[in-house]
């Protein structure tokens, strides 16, 4: 048989390619994938039967005859490899006196090794453009995490984390270089690919939004932010940074050169009749607070904000917390005045703006809310904590 090179993919999947034919391994049984991947990974040395049985049955009972069980898995691996060419399984996996080893005489390229080689630190005298091109080639090889079919396997997980950290490190280094050169198509593509892997990493969201704005795709940029903010609140209970919010508001600004008539302006500004307090998003709430604080500072009126937090009694499941927050929102709207405002500021907290309310009035308002919540939802596992502070403006 001619020694036709094999191309092995382990990033984002597991497959072996030979002369245009592709053998997909990722959908096979877990032990088959693990044994084959490990033998390819450790192909420079013979691997003992004991090491392989320990790998395949880690944390499991091996049964009375682990060697026979190992041979059964190996038989399935060799049968799978026979799809590359006749008898390929026995050619590629050799038996070496109590060990198995991948045949080093068959040329093989592994995407993980190519990725690692291209990520090596470059020569300091190398031109930036050449180094940038090398890094982009490396990142293009990262089609996804290492051997995703083996998630939960200690050996694969250990390799996966190191490779992902390296990928993210070089991605975050390249994005500013691409942006500085105005290569926004490549910036957007690279940020989008990495953001799919790390959907809560704000720097990646920022760079993808920046690229989309420069490409004239503002609606996509604002939608990206809104999805990110919802995900961040849901998973981490925090809001995006001020820098990201400023970028979002800049992307939302309308660029309409036409003038607006006074009638049209009033129609746009007029609020539909609605009882109760103003429930708004946190960014708008901040603007309302700034405006109210300035007016209160000029007129000498009292102005307080109240933070109402859901105190979890034990380990409150996420769905229970979300339901309690929805219930609390209804109670807040039903017990605040029309001139008050409120916003959800974390996964378990609301902030209230209480204009023209003294500290004592604020306490009364919050007591009314906590009593109403306890009365309407007596079996809720959540209890409420309240903090009231004066909102001062810089003079």
Protein backbone atom coordinates (compact mmCIF):
# COMPACT_ATOMS: atom_id res chain seq x y z
CA UNK A 1 0.00 0.00 0.00
CA UNK A 2 1.25 3.50 -0.86
CA UNK A 3 1.92 5.63 2.21
CA UNK A 4 -0.77 8.22 1.48
CA UNK A 5 -0.73 10.82 4.30
CA UNK A 6 -3.55 10.84 6.83
CA UNK A 7 -5.06 14.13 8.02
CA UNK A 8 -6.57 13.89 11.48
CA UNK A 9 -8.96 16.48 12.92
CA UNK A 10 -9.51 16.66 16.68
CA UNK A 11 -10.56 20.31 17.00
CA UNK A 12 -14.32 20.68 16.77
CA UNK A 13 -14.79 17.02 15.88
CA UNK A 14 -12.90 13.80 15.25
CA UNK A 15 -12.24 12.56 11.75
CA UNK A 16 -9.53 11.01 9.58
CA UNK A 17 -9.13 12.11 5.97
CA UNK A 18 -7.22 10.14 3.34
CA UNK A 19 -6.99 11.07 -0.31
CA UNK A 20 -10.35 12.87 -0.31
CA UNK A 21 -12.20 10.22 1.72
CA UNK A 22 -13.34 11.20 5.23
CA UNK A 23 -13.92 8.79 8.12
CA UNK A 24 -15.98 10.46 10.86
CA UNK A 25 -15.20 9.05 14.29
CA UNK A 26 -17.05 11.51 16.55
CA UNK A 27 -20.40 9.73 16.25
CA UNK A 28 -19.01 6.34 17.25
CA UNK A 29 -19.06 4.84 20.74
CA UNK A 30 -17.24 6.79 23.45
CA UNK A 31 -14.67 4.09 24.22
CA UNK A 32 -13.90 3.59 20.53
CA UNK A 33 -13.29 7.34 20.14
CA UNK A 34 -11.18 7.51 23.28
CA UNK A 35 -8.95 4.53 22.42
CA UNK A 36 -8.33 5.68 18.85
CA UNK A 37 -7.71 9.32 19.84
CA UNK A 38 -5.30 8.34 22.61
CA UNK A 39 -3.26 6.01 20.39
CA UNK A 40 -2.92 8.74 17.75
CA UNK A 41 -2.07 11.35 20.39
CA UNK A 42 0.57 9.09 21.98
CA UNK A 43 1.72 7.60 18.67
CA UNK A 44 5.42 8.20 19.40
CA UNK A 45 5.44 5.46 22.10
CA UNK A 46 3.95 2.03 22.81
CA UNK A 47 1.05 2.24 25.29
CA UNK A 48 0.65 -0.64 27.72
CA UNK A 49 -2.55 -2.65 28.10
CA UNK A 50 -2.77 -1.50 31.75
CA UNK A 51 -2.58 2.18 30.80
CA UNK A 52 -5.27 1.77 28.16
CA UNK A 53 -7.66 -0.16 30.40
CA UNK A 54 -7.19 2.44 33.12
CA UNK A 55 -8.00 5.17 30.59
CA UNK A 56 -11.08 3.46 29.14
CA UNK A 57 -12.63 2.35 32.42
CA UNK A 58 -11.61 5.24 34.63
CA UNK A 59 -13.96 5.26 37.59
CA UNK A 60 -15.78 2.14 36.32
CA UNK A 61 -15.66 -1.50 37.28
CA UNK A 62 -13.44 -3.28 34.73
CA UNK A 63 -14.95 -6.72 35.10
CA UNK A 64 -13.16 -10.07 35.60
CA UNK A 65 -11.13 -9.88 32.37
CA UNK A 66 -10.16 -6.30 31.46
CA UNK A 67 -7.72 -7.44 28.76
CA UNK A 68 -10.48 -9.18 26.81
CA UNK A 69 -12.65 -6.08 27.16
CA UNK A 70 -9.80 -3.95 25.81
CA UNK A 71 -9.32 -6.31 22.86
CA UNK A 72 -13.04 -6.08 22.08
CA UNK A 73 -12.84 -2.28 21.89
CA UNK A 74 -9.66 -2.51 19.81
CA UNK A 75 -11.39 -4.88 17.39
CA UNK A 76 -14.12 -2.27 16.87
CA UNK A 77 -11.48 0.41 16.32
CA UNK A 78 -9.68 -1.68 13.69
CA UNK A 79 -12.96 -2.52 11.95
CA UNK A 80 -13.75 1.18 11.82
CA UNK A 81 -10.32 2.00 10.35
CA UNK A 82 -10.77 -0.67 7.68
CA UNK A 83 -13.09 1.80 5.94
CA UNK A 84 -9.98 3.76 4.93
CA UNK A 85 -8.60 0.76 2.96
CA UNK A 86 -8.57 -3.01 3.28
CA UNK A 87 -6.91 -4.21 6.49
CA UNK A 88 -6.08 -0.61 7.52
CA UNK A 89 -6.88 -1.36 11.17
CA UNK A 90 -4.05 -3.89 11.51
CA UNK A 91 -1.65 -1.75 9.51
CA UNK A 92 -2.28 1.37 11.59
CA UNK A 93 -2.44 -0.16 15.09
CA UNK A 94 0.44 -2.47 15.94
CA UNK A 95 0.72 -4.99 18.78
CA UNK A 96 4.08 -4.64 20.58
CA UNK A 97 4.54 -7.16 23.45
CA UNK A 98 1.90 -6.08 25.93
CA UNK A 99 1.42 -2.71 24.27
CA UNK A 100 -0.42 -1.12 21.36
CA UNK A 101 1.10 1.61 19.20
CA UNK A 102 0.04 3.67 16.22
CA UNK A 103 2.16 2.91 13.14
CA UNK A 104 4.66 5.78 12.84
CA UNK A 105 5.63 4.70 9.30
CA UNK A 106 2.32 6.01 7.96
CA UNK A 107 2.61 9.81 7.52
CA UNK A 108 0.05 11.71 9.57
CA UNK A 109 -0.75 15.37 10.23
CA UNK A 110 -2.76 16.35 13.31
CA UNK A 111 -4.62 19.69 13.37
CA UNK A 112 -3.85 20.16 17.08
CA UNK A 113 -0.10 19.93 16.45
CA UNK A 114 -0.28 22.32 13.50
CA UNK A 115 -2.29 24.74 15.63
CA UNK A 116 0.27 24.58 18.46
CA UNK A 117 3.21 25.02 16.07
CA UNK A 118 1.69 28.10 14.43
CA UNK A 119 0.92 29.58 17.85
CA UNK A 120 4.56 29.45 18.94
CA UNK A 121 6.01 32.82 19.83
CA UNK A 122 7.44 34.43 16.71
CA UNK A 123 10.89 35.87 16.17
CA UNK A 124 10.99 39.45 17.54
CA UNK A 125 12.52 40.68 14.29
CA UNK A 126 9.79 39.08 12.18
CA UNK A 127 7.56 41.58 10.45
CA UNK A 128 4.21 42.14 12.14
CA UNK A 129 2.27 41.32 8.97
CA UNK A 130 3.94 37.94 8.64
CA UNK A 131 3.34 37.12 12.29
CA UNK A 132 -0.29 38.24 11.95
CA UNK A 133 -0.75 35.97 8.95
CA UNK A 134 0.74 33.04 10.89
CA UNK A 135 -1.56 33.61 13.85
CA UNK A 136 -4.62 33.85 11.61
CA UNK A 137 -3.66 30.55 10.01
CA UNK A 138 -3.39 29.00 13.47
CA UNK A 139 -6.77 30.29 14.61
CA UNK A 140 -8.45 29.12 11.42
CA UNK A 141 -7.53 25.57 12.42
CA UNK A 142 -9.48 25.89 15.66
CA UNK A 143 -12.85 24.66 14.43
CA UNK A 144 -14.10 24.06 17.96
CA UNK A 145 -13.06 22.50 21.25
CA UNK A 146 -10.78 19.48 21.42
CA UNK A 147 -12.65 16.18 20.92
CA UNK A 148 -16.13 17.42 21.92
CA UNK A 149 -17.45 13.83 21.84
CA UNK A 150 -15.20 13.08 24.84
CA UNK A 151 -16.51 15.85 27.11
CA UNK A 152 -16.21 14.69 30.72
CA UNK A 153 -13.18 12.48 30.08
CA UNK A 154 -10.34 13.64 32.34
CA UNK A 155 -7.62 13.19 29.69
CA UNK A 156 -9.56 15.02 26.94
CA UNK A 157 -10.78 17.76 29.30
CA UNK A 158 -7.22 18.50 30.39
CA UNK A 159 -6.09 18.97 26.79
CA UNK A 160 -9.23 20.92 25.91
CA UNK A 161 -8.81 23.63 28.53
CA UNK A 162 -5.20 24.37 27.63
CA UNK A 163 -5.98 24.58 23.91
CA UNK A 164 -9.00 26.83 24.48
CA UNK A 165 -6.97 29.22 26.65
CA UNK A 166 -4.31 29.45 23.97
CA UNK A 167 -6.92 30.06 21.27
CA UNK A 168 -8.62 32.84 23.26
CA UNK A 169 -5.29 34.45 24.18
CA UNK A 170 -4.19 34.75 20.57
CA UNK A 171 -7.67 35.82 19.45
CA UNK A 172 -7.74 38.70 21.93
CA UNK A 173 -4.23 39.70 20.82
CA UNK A 174 -5.14 39.70 17.12
CA UNK A 175 -8.46 41.55 17.26
CA UNK A 176 -6.88 44.98 18.09
CA UNK A 177 -4.27 44.47 15.33
CA UNK A 178 -6.94 43.71 12.75
CA UNK A 179 -9.05 46.63 13.91
CA UNK A 180 -6.09 49.01 13.72
CA UNK A 181 -5.61 47.99 10.08
CA UNK A 182 -9.30 48.47 9.30
CA UNK A 183 -9.75 44.78 8.46
CA UNK A 184 -13.27 44.70 9.82
CA UNK A 185 -14.54 41.69 7.85
CA UNK A 186 -11.80 39.52 9.37
CA UNK A 187 -12.30 41.14 12.78
CA UNK A 188 -16.02 40.35 12.75
CA UNK A 189 -15.49 36.76 11.58
CA UNK A 190 -12.79 36.04 14.18
CA UNK A 191 -14.74 37.66 17.04
CA UNK A 192 -17.95 35.84 16.04
CA UNK A 193 -16.23 32.44 15.98
CA UNK A 194 -14.60 32.95 19.38
CA UNK A 195 -17.78 34.48 20.87
CA UNK A 196 -19.69 31.31 19.97
CA UNK A 197 -17.26 29.39 22.20
CA UNK A 198 -17.19 31.97 25.03
CA UNK A 199 -20.63 33.66 24.90
CA UNK A 200 -20.13 35.53 28.20
CA UNK A 201 -16.72 37.07 27.40
CA UNK A 202 -17.36 40.79 27.05
CA UNK A 203 -14.21 41.64 25.05
CA UNK A 204 -15.37 39.38 22.24
CA UNK A 205 -18.82 40.98 22.22
CA UNK A 206 -17.22 44.42 22.10
CA UNK A 207 -14.99 43.59 19.13
CA UNK A 208 -17.80 41.95 17.17
CA UNK A 209 -20.06 44.95 17.81
CA UNK A 210 -17.27 47.35 16.80
CA UNK A 211 -16.70 45.44 13.56
CA UNK A 212 -20.41 45.29 12.74
CA UNK A 213 -20.75 49.05 13.25
CA UNK A 214 -17.81 49.75 10.91
CA UNK A 215 -19.38 47.42 8.35
CA UNK A 216 -22.63 49.39 8.49
CA UNK A 217 -24.56 46.57 10.18
CA UNK A 218 -25.84 48.56 13.17
CA UNK A 219 -29.03 46.58 13.70
CA UNK A 220 -27.02 43.37 14.04
CA UNK A 221 -24.71 45.13 16.47
CA UNK A 222 -27.54 46.29 18.74
CA UNK A 223 -29.22 42.88 18.64
CA UNK A 224 -25.89 41.27 19.58
CA UNK A 225 -25.67 43.52 22.64
CA UNK A 226 -29.25 42.90 23.72
CA UNK A 227 -28.79 39.13 23.50
CA UNK A 228 -25.50 39.42 25.40
CA UNK A 229 -27.03 41.53 28.18
CA UNK A 230 -29.87 39.05 28.63
CA UNK A 231 -27.41 36.13 28.70
CA UNK A 232 -25.14 37.92 31.19
CA UNK A 233 -28.03 38.67 33.53
CA UNK A 234 -29.38 35.14 33.23
CA UNK A 235 -26.10 33.29 33.80
CA UNK A 236 -23.99 35.64 35.92
CA UNK A 237 -26.50 38.10 37.34
CA UNK A 238 -24.47 41.15 36.22
CA UNK A 239 -24.80 43.89 33.61
CA UNK A 240 -22.35 44.71 30.78
CA UNK A 241 -19.72 47.37 31.39
CA UNK A 242 -20.25 51.09 30.79
CA UNK A 243 -17.93 50.92 27.77
CA UNK A 244 -20.06 48.27 26.08
CA UNK A 245 -23.30 50.08 26.89
CA UNK A 246 -21.91 53.31 25.39
CA UNK A 247 -21.04 51.44 22.21
CA UNK A 248 -24.57 50.04 22.13
CA UNK A 249 -26.22 53.43 22.54
CA UNK A 250 -23.97 54.87 19.83
CA UNK A 251 -25.06 52.10 17.47
CA UNK A 252 -28.73 52.80 18.20
CA UNK A 253 -28.62 56.47 17.30
CA UNK A 254 -30.64 57.19 14.20
CA UNK A 255 -28.86 58.85 11.31
CA UNK A 256 -31.78 60.62 9.66
CA UNK A 257 -30.85 63.95 7.99
CA UNK A 258 -34.50 65.05 7.67
CA UNK A 259 -36.03 67.48 10.12
CA UNK A 260 -38.90 66.57 12.42
CA UNK A 261 -42.03 68.72 12.77
CA UNK A 262 -43.24 69.77 16.25
CA UNK A 263 -46.36 67.61 15.83
CA UNK A 264 -44.30 64.54 14.90
CA UNK A 265 -41.93 65.20 17.79
CA UNK A 266 -44.79 65.35 20.30
CA UNK A 267 -46.29 62.15 18.90
CA UNK A 268 -42.97 60.40 19.37
CA UNK A 269 -42.51 61.71 22.90
CA UNK A 270 -46.04 61.14 24.16
CA UNK A 271 -46.42 58.10 26.42
CA UNK A 272 -49.46 55.89 26.03
CA UNK A 273 -51.77 56.01 29.10
CA UNK A 274 -50.42 53.56 31.63
CA UNK A 275 -51.01 53.36 35.40
CA UNK A 276 -48.34 52.74 37.98
CA UNK A 277 -44.59 53.34 38.08
CA UNK A 278 -42.22 53.43 35.11
CA UNK A 279 -40.55 50.01 34.70
CA UNK A 280 -37.53 50.46 32.42
CA UNK A 281 -34.18 48.89 31.58
CA UNK A 282 -31.18 49.75 33.75
CA UNK A 283 -29.47 52.07 31.25
CA UNK A 284 -32.57 54.25 30.91
CA UNK A 285 -33.09 54.12 34.68
CA UNK A 286 -29.64 55.69 35.14
CA UNK A 287 -30.60 58.57 32.85
CA UNK A 288 -33.82 59.10 34.83
CA UNK A 289 -31.80 59.09 38.07
CA UNK A 290 -29.34 61.66 36.73
CA UNK A 291 -32.14 63.96 35.60
CA UNK A 292 -34.06 63.57 38.86
CA UNK A 293 -30.94 64.17 40.97
CA UNK A 294 -30.21 67.42 39.13
CA UNK A 295 -33.76 68.65 39.60
CA UNK A 296 -33.77 67.64 43.27
CA UNK A 297 -30.42 69.36 43.83
CA UNK A 298 -31.76 72.58 42.28
CA UNK A 299 -35.07 72.52 44.18
CA UNK A 300 -33.80 71.09 47.46
CA UNK A 301 -36.21 68.17 47.29
CA UNK A 302 -35.46 64.79 48.89
CA UNK A 303 -34.58 61.94 46.53
CA UNK A 304 -33.89 58.35 47.53
CA UNK A 305 -33.21 55.05 45.81
CA UNK A 306 -34.15 51.69 47.24
CA UNK A 307 -32.51 48.36 46.46
CA UNK A 308 -34.81 45.35 46.91
CA UNK A 309 -32.98 42.02 46.85
CA UNK A 310 -34.33 38.50 46.87
CA UNK A 311 -32.58 36.65 49.66
CA UNK A 312 -32.35 32.99 48.71
CA UNK A 313 -33.34 30.56 51.46
CA UNK A 314 -30.88 27.79 50.66
CA UNK A 315 -30.02 26.83 47.11
CA UNK A 316 -32.88 28.42 45.18
CA UNK A 317 -33.15 26.91 41.65
CA UNK A 318 -32.80 29.33 38.78
CA UNK A 319 -36.37 28.86 37.57
CA UNK A 320 -37.68 29.59 41.08
CA UNK A 321 -35.59 32.77 41.28
CA UNK A 322 -36.86 33.93 37.89
CA UNK A 323 -40.46 33.29 38.92
CA UNK A 324 -39.93 35.17 42.20
CA UNK A 325 -38.45 38.14 40.29
CA UNK A 326 -41.43 38.21 37.92
CA UNK A 327 -43.80 38.11 40.90
CA UNK A 328 -41.84 40.88 42.65
CA UNK A 329 -41.99 43.07 39.53
CA UNK A 330 -45.78 42.87 39.55
CA UNK A 331 -45.89 43.80 43.23
CA UNK A 332 -43.54 46.76 42.69
CA UNK A 333 -45.62 48.12 39.82
CA UNK A 334 -48.77 47.81 41.89
CA UNK A 335 -47.37 49.66 44.91
CA UNK A 336 -45.39 52.57 43.45
CA UNK A 337 -46.70 55.94 42.34
CA UNK A 338 -46.90 56.99 38.71
CA UNK A 339 -43.91 59.35 39.16
CA UNK A 340 -41.65 56.59 40.51
CA UNK A 341 -39.34 54.43 38.39
CA UNK A 342 -37.88 50.95 38.78
CA UNK A 343 -35.46 48.67 36.94
CA UNK A 344 -34.05 45.19 37.26
CA UNK A 345 -30.35 45.66 38.04
CA UNK A 346 -29.22 42.04 38.54
CA UNK A 347 -30.62 38.54 38.42
CA UNK A 348 -32.08 38.94 41.93
CA UNK A 349 -32.47 42.70 42.52
CA UNK A 350 -34.64 45.69 41.63
CA UNK A 351 -33.68 49.31 42.13
CA UNK A 352 -36.41 51.91 42.78
CA UNK A 353 -36.26 55.69 42.31
CA UNK A 354 -38.41 57.52 44.89
CA UNK A 355 -38.58 61.24 44.05
CA UNK A 356 -39.82 63.71 46.67
CA UNK A 357 -39.67 60.95 49.27
CA UNK A 358 -37.87 61.27 52.59
CA UNK A 359 -36.02 58.35 54.13
CA UNK A 360 -39.05 57.58 56.31
CA UNK A 361 -41.38 57.72 53.29
CA UNK A 362 -39.03 55.38 51.43
CA UNK A 363 -39.15 52.92 54.32
CA UNK A 364 -42.95 53.00 54.27
CA UNK A 365 -43.03 52.35 50.51
CA UNK A 366 -40.62 49.40 50.79
CA UNK A 367 -42.50 47.97 53.78
CA UNK A 368 -45.69 48.13 51.73
CA UNK A 369 -43.98 46.20 48.92
CA UNK A 370 -42.51 43.51 51.20
CA UNK A 371 -45.85 43.01 52.98
CA UNK A 372 -47.72 42.79 49.67
CA UNK A 373 -45.21 40.24 48.35
CA UNK A 374 -45.52 38.07 51.48
CA UNK A 375 -49.32 38.32 51.34
CA UNK A 376 -49.65 37.48 47.63
CA UNK A 377 -46.99 34.75 47.61
CA UNK A 378 -47.01 33.20 51.09
CA UNK A 379 -45.34 29.97 49.95
CA UNK A 380 -42.50 31.59 48.00
CA UNK A 381 -39.06 30.26 49.04
CA UNK A 382 -37.64 33.78 48.60
CA UNK A 383 -37.58 36.57 51.15
CA UNK A 384 -36.87 40.26 50.52
CA UNK A 385 -34.10 42.51 51.80
CA UNK A 386 -34.27 46.30 51.44
CA UNK A 387 -31.65 49.06 51.46
CA UNK A 388 -32.52 52.77 51.10
CA UNK A 389 -29.97 55.47 50.25
CA UNK A 390 -30.18 59.19 49.37
CA UNK A 391 -29.30 59.98 45.76
CA UNK A 392 -26.98 62.97 45.71
CA UNK A 393 -25.79 64.98 42.72
CA UNK A 394 -22.32 66.46 42.33
CA UNK A 395 -22.48 70.19 42.89
